[in-house]
Amino acid sequence: MSGSTEVWGYAATEFTDPLAVVNLVANPSAFTSLDGWIGSGLTYGIFPKFTSTTDITTYSAKSYLYLPVTTVYNSAISAN
């Protein structure tokens, strides 16, 4: 990723009043697929990227969903 790339994380929110909000988000973290996400240009991957010069003794990465600058939906349907 270039130095000008922004990487955003996902923060889960739990609502205790089911009558006020139905919080249904499928596949919100640890992305290994695009299940539940609808939109064009969606991809997922790890950051920081693993390359042939990466020191595996200190390497630690997280998976992220990369969202294009467009409207993206979550269907709230999980394949689990």
Protein backbone atom coordinates (compact mmCIF):
# COMPACT_ATOMS: atom_id res chain seq x y z
CA MET A 1 0.00 0.00 0.00
CA SER A 2 1.22 3.45 -0.71
CA GLY A 3 1.88 6.04 1.98
CA SER A 4 -1.28 7.95 1.07
CA THR A 5 -3.63 4.97 1.53
CA GLU A 6 -6.04 5.13 4.45
CA VAL A 7 -6.77 1.89 6.32
CA TRP A 8 -9.93 1.88 8.41
CA GLY A 9 -10.93 -0.74 10.94
CA TYR A 10 -14.35 -2.03 11.98
CA ALA A 11 -15.73 -1.38 15.44
CA ALA A 12 -18.62 -3.57 16.53
CA THR A 13 -21.54 -1.88 18.24
CA GLU A 14 -24.00 -3.80 20.36
CA PHE A 15 -27.42 -2.31 20.86
CA THR A 16 -29.30 -3.60 23.90
CA ASP A 17 -32.76 -2.45 22.77
CA PRO A 18 -33.88 -4.61 19.84
CA LEU A 19 -36.92 -2.42 19.28
CA ALA A 20 -34.76 0.64 18.57
CA VAL A 21 -32.21 -0.87 16.19
CA VAL A 22 -31.72 -4.13 14.37
CA ASN A 23 -27.96 -4.40 13.96
CA LEU A 24 -27.49 -7.10 11.34
CA VAL A 25 -24.08 -7.04 9.70
CA ALA A 26 -22.85 -10.25 8.14
CA ASN A 27 -19.12 -10.89 7.89
CA PRO A 28 -17.99 -7.75 9.77
CA SER A 29 -14.37 -8.73 10.47
CA ALA A 30 -11.57 -11.26 9.82
CA PHE A 31 -12.41 -11.21 6.12
CA THR A 32 -11.80 -14.45 4.30
CA SER A 33 -14.59 -13.88 1.78
CA LEU A 34 -17.02 -11.23 0.55
CA ASP A 35 -20.08 -13.07 1.94
CA GLY A 36 -22.79 -10.58 2.85
CA TRP A 37 -21.22 -7.61 1.03
CA ILE A 38 -22.83 -6.17 -2.10
CA GLY A 39 -21.17 -3.64 -4.39
CA SER A 40 -18.73 -3.35 -7.25
CA GLY A 41 -14.99 -3.24 -6.80
CA LEU A 42 -14.97 -4.97 -3.39
CA THR A 43 -11.85 -6.90 -2.43
CA TYR A 44 -10.32 -8.20 0.77
CA GLY A 45 -6.78 -8.83 1.81
CA ILE A 46 -4.22 -8.51 4.57
CA PHE A 47 -2.33 -5.47 5.79
CA PRO A 48 0.57 -5.10 5.87
CA LYS A 49 1.10 -7.13 2.72
CA PHE A 50 3.31 -10.21 2.97
CA THR A 51 6.22 -10.10 0.52
CA SER A 52 9.36 -12.14 -0.07
CA THR A 53 11.31 -9.64 2.06
CA THR A 54 8.95 -9.82 5.06
CA ASP A 55 10.56 -10.93 8.33
CA ILE A 56 8.27 -13.79 9.41
CA THR A 57 9.56 -13.71 12.97
CA THR A 58 7.93 -10.31 13.58
CA TYR A 59 5.15 -10.31 10.95
CA SER A 60 1.62 -9.65 12.17
CA ALA A 61 -1.26 -8.83 9.85
CA LYS A 62 -5.02 -8.32 9.93
CA SER A 63 -7.53 -8.95 7.18
CA TYR A 64 -9.42 -5.96 5.83
CA LEU A 65 -12.29 -5.30 3.46
CA TYR A 66 -11.28 -2.74 0.85
CA LEU A 67 -14.19 -0.50 -0.08
CA PRO A 68 -14.22 1.50 -3.30
CA VAL A 69 -15.50 5.08 -3.34
CA THR A 70 -19.07 4.06 -4.11
CA THR A 71 -22.18 2.80 -2.34
CA VAL A 72 -21.68 -0.55 -0.60
CA TYR A 73 -24.35 -2.63 1.13
CA ASN A 74 -24.31 -5.42 3.67
CA SER A 75 -27.06 -7.96 3.06
CA ALA A 76 -27.01 -9.18 6.69
CA ILE A 77 -27.05 -12.70 5.33
CA SER A 78 -24.25 -14.97 6.42
CA ALA A 79 -23.22 -18.23 4.78
CA ASN A 80 -22.56 -19.81 8.19
